[in-house]
């Protein structure tokens, strides 16, 4: 997964895979998702990311697997 932030447009792009995007869906005014040919999530775009997603504070925490 990659997170890219474009400060000139205050846009965050979160890439979950490198598959080819077939369709983009508008979820809300500032949130878009990109899907592959099987309907799987490829990426998500967040506009006005500082205000809408608190992009200035990003953390990653991996939880243990349950057996």
N, C-alpha and C. Protein backbone atom coordinates (compact mmCIF):
# COMPACT_ATOMS: atom_id res chain seq x y z
N UNK A 1 0.85 -1.17 0.00
CA UNK A 1 0.00 0.00 0.00
C UNK A 1 0.90 1.23 0.00
N UNK A 2 0.50 2.24 -0.78
CA UNK A 2 1.21 3.50 -0.85
C UNK A 2 0.23 4.63 -0.56
N UNK A 3 0.70 5.61 0.17
CA UNK A 3 -0.08 6.82 0.39
C UNK A 3 0.72 7.99 -0.17
N UNK A 4 0.10 8.70 -1.09
CA UNK A 4 0.74 9.87 -1.69
C UNK A 4 -0.09 11.10 -1.36
N UNK A 5 0.60 12.15 -0.96
CA UNK A 5 -0.09 13.39 -0.63
C UNK A 5 0.42 14.50 -1.55
N UNK A 6 -0.50 15.19 -2.20
CA UNK A 6 -0.17 16.28 -3.11
C UNK A 6 -0.58 17.59 -2.44
N UNK A 7 0.40 18.29 -1.89
CA UNK A 7 0.10 19.49 -1.10
C UNK A 7 -0.47 20.62 -1.96
N UNK A 8 -0.11 20.68 -3.24
CA UNK A 8 -0.61 21.76 -4.08
C UNK A 8 -2.12 21.68 -4.30
N UNK A 9 -2.69 20.48 -4.20
CA UNK A 9 -4.14 20.32 -4.36
C UNK A 9 -4.81 19.80 -3.09
N UNK A 10 -4.03 19.56 -2.03
CA UNK A 10 -4.52 18.98 -0.77
C UNK A 10 -5.31 17.69 -1.03
N UNK A 11 -4.67 16.82 -1.82
CA UNK A 11 -5.29 15.56 -2.23
C UNK A 11 -4.42 14.39 -1.76
N UNK A 12 -5.07 13.37 -1.22
CA UNK A 12 -4.37 12.14 -0.83
C UNK A 12 -4.81 11.02 -1.76
N UNK A 13 -3.85 10.23 -2.20
CA UNK A 13 -4.12 9.06 -3.02
C UNK A 13 -3.60 7.85 -2.27
N UNK A 14 -4.49 6.93 -1.94
CA UNK A 14 -4.11 5.71 -1.24
C UNK A 14 -4.22 4.57 -2.24
N UNK A 15 -3.09 3.94 -2.54
CA UNK A 15 -3.05 2.86 -3.53
C UNK A 15 -2.95 1.52 -2.79
N UNK A 16 -3.91 0.65 -3.07
CA UNK A 16 -3.96 -0.65 -2.43
C UNK A 16 -3.35 -1.74 -3.30
N UNK A 17 -3.36 -1.55 -4.62
CA UNK A 17 -2.75 -2.50 -5.54
C UNK A 17 -2.32 -1.76 -6.80
N UNK A 18 -1.61 -2.46 -7.66
CA UNK A 18 -1.17 -1.84 -8.91
C UNK A 18 -1.97 -2.35 -10.10
N UNK A 19 -3.15 -2.88 -9.83
CA UNK A 19 -4.03 -3.37 -10.91
C UNK A 19 -4.52 -2.18 -11.75
N UNK A 20 -4.96 -2.48 -12.95
CA UNK A 20 -5.48 -1.46 -13.85
C UNK A 20 -6.86 -1.01 -13.39
N UNK A 21 -7.05 0.30 -13.34
CA UNK A 21 -8.34 0.87 -12.94
C UNK A 21 -9.30 0.81 -14.13
N UNK A 22 -10.46 0.21 -13.89
CA UNK A 22 -11.50 0.10 -14.92
C UNK A 22 -12.62 1.11 -14.68
N UNK A 23 -12.88 1.40 -13.40
CA UNK A 23 -14.00 2.27 -13.06
C UNK A 23 -13.67 3.12 -11.84
N UNK A 24 -14.09 4.36 -11.87
CA UNK A 24 -13.97 5.25 -10.71
C UNK A 24 -15.37 5.60 -10.25
N UNK A 25 -15.62 5.45 -8.95
CA UNK A 25 -16.92 5.78 -8.38
C UNK A 25 -16.78 6.93 -7.40
N UNK A 26 -17.70 7.87 -7.48
CA UNK A 26 -17.75 8.98 -6.54
C UNK A 26 -18.57 8.52 -5.34
N UNK A 27 -17.93 8.44 -4.18
CA UNK A 27 -18.60 8.01 -2.95
C UNK A 27 -19.26 9.22 -2.28
N UNK A 28 -18.55 10.33 -2.29
CA UNK A 28 -19.08 11.60 -1.79
C UNK A 28 -18.38 12.71 -2.55
N UNK A 29 -18.67 13.94 -2.20
CA UNK A 29 -18.10 15.08 -2.90
C UNK A 29 -16.56 15.09 -2.89
N UNK A 30 -15.95 14.51 -1.86
CA UNK A 30 -14.49 14.54 -1.71
C UNK A 30 -13.84 13.17 -1.67
N UNK A 31 -14.58 12.12 -1.99
CA UNK A 31 -14.05 10.76 -1.88
C UNK A 31 -14.40 9.95 -3.12
N UNK A 32 -13.35 9.39 -3.74
CA UNK A 32 -13.52 8.59 -4.95
C UNK A 32 -12.78 7.26 -4.76
N UNK A 33 -13.35 6.19 -5.30
CA UNK A 33 -12.66 4.90 -5.27
C UNK A 33 -12.48 4.41 -6.71
N UNK A 34 -11.36 3.73 -6.93
CA UNK A 34 -11.05 3.14 -8.22
C UNK A 34 -11.12 1.63 -8.08
N UNK A 35 -11.77 0.99 -9.06
CA UNK A 35 -11.98 -0.45 -9.04
C UNK A 35 -11.34 -1.11 -10.25
N UNK A 36 -10.92 -2.37 -10.07
CA UNK A 36 -10.38 -3.13 -11.19
C UNK A 36 -11.51 -3.84 -11.95
N UNK A 37 -11.16 -4.69 -12.89
CA UNK A 37 -12.17 -5.36 -13.72
C UNK A 37 -13.03 -6.36 -12.96
N UNK A 38 -12.62 -6.72 -11.74
CA UNK A 38 -13.41 -7.65 -10.92
C UNK A 38 -14.16 -6.92 -9.79
N UNK A 39 -14.08 -5.60 -9.79
CA UNK A 39 -14.76 -4.82 -8.76
C UNK A 39 -13.98 -4.67 -7.48
N UNK A 40 -12.70 -5.07 -7.48
CA UNK A 40 -11.86 -4.95 -6.29
C UNK A 40 -11.29 -3.54 -6.18
N UNK A 41 -11.12 -3.08 -4.95
CA UNK A 41 -10.59 -1.75 -4.69
C UNK A 41 -9.12 -1.67 -5.11
N UNK A 42 -8.80 -0.68 -5.94
CA UNK A 42 -7.42 -0.43 -6.38
C UNK A 42 -6.85 0.76 -5.63
N UNK A 43 -7.63 1.85 -5.57
CA UNK A 43 -7.15 3.05 -4.89
C UNK A 43 -8.31 3.92 -4.44
N UNK A 44 -7.97 4.89 -3.59
CA UNK A 44 -8.96 5.82 -3.06
C UNK A 44 -8.34 7.23 -3.11
N UNK A 45 -9.12 8.19 -3.57
CA UNK A 45 -8.68 9.58 -3.61
C UNK A 45 -9.51 10.39 -2.64
N UNK A 46 -8.81 11.17 -1.80
CA UNK A 46 -9.48 12.03 -0.83
C UNK A 46 -9.09 13.47 -1.14
N UNK A 47 -10.06 14.26 -1.55
CA UNK A 47 -9.82 15.67 -1.79
C UNK A 47 -10.02 16.44 -0.49
N UNK A 48 -9.33 17.57 -0.36
CA UNK A 48 -9.34 18.37 0.88
C UNK A 48 -8.92 17.47 2.05
N UNK A 49 -7.83 16.75 1.84
CA UNK A 49 -7.39 15.69 2.76
C UNK A 49 -7.04 16.19 4.16
N UNK A 50 -6.46 17.36 4.28
CA UNK A 50 -6.12 17.86 5.62
C UNK A 50 -7.37 18.07 6.45
N UNK A 51 -8.39 18.63 5.83
CA UNK A 51 -9.64 18.91 6.55
C UNK A 51 -10.50 17.66 6.73
N UNK A 52 -10.63 16.85 5.69
CA UNK A 52 -11.56 15.73 5.71
C UNK A 52 -10.99 14.45 6.31
N UNK A 53 -9.67 14.26 6.23
CA UNK A 53 -9.09 12.98 6.66
C UNK A 53 -7.93 13.12 7.63
N UNK A 54 -7.66 14.32 8.11
CA UNK A 54 -6.55 14.54 9.05
C UNK A 54 -5.26 13.89 8.54
N UNK A 55 -4.95 14.14 7.27
CA UNK A 55 -3.81 13.51 6.61
C UNK A 55 -2.47 13.87 7.24
N UNK A 56 -2.42 14.94 8.02
CA UNK A 56 -1.16 15.32 8.66
C UNK A 56 -0.76 14.34 9.75
N UNK A 57 -1.68 13.47 10.16
CA UNK A 57 -1.37 12.47 11.19
C UNK A 57 -1.75 11.08 10.66
N UNK A 58 -0.77 10.40 10.09
CA UNK A 58 -0.99 9.07 9.54
C UNK A 58 -0.17 8.07 10.35
N UNK A 59 -0.79 6.97 10.75
CA UNK A 59 -0.06 5.93 11.45
C UNK A 59 -0.50 4.57 10.93
N UNK A 60 0.34 3.59 11.18
CA UNK A 60 0.07 2.23 10.72
C UNK A 60 0.29 1.30 11.90
N UNK A 61 -0.68 0.47 12.17
CA UNK A 61 -0.59 -0.47 13.28
C UNK A 61 -1.07 -1.83 12.79
N UNK A 62 -0.18 -2.81 12.81
CA UNK A 62 -0.55 -4.16 12.39
C UNK A 62 -0.97 -4.95 13.62
N UNK A 63 -2.16 -5.50 13.56
CA UNK A 63 -2.68 -6.28 14.67
C UNK A 63 -2.30 -7.74 14.47
N UNK A 64 -2.14 -8.48 15.54
CA UNK A 64 -1.80 -9.90 15.46
C UNK A 64 -2.92 -10.71 14.87
N UNK A 65 -2.57 -11.82 14.25
CA UNK A 65 -3.57 -12.69 13.66
C UNK A 65 -4.20 -13.55 14.74
N UNK A 66 -5.50 -13.71 14.63
CA UNK A 66 -6.18 -14.63 15.56
C UNK A 66 -6.20 -16.01 14.92
N UNK A 67 -6.05 -17.02 15.74
CA UNK A 67 -5.98 -18.40 15.21
C UNK A 67 -7.31 -19.07 15.30
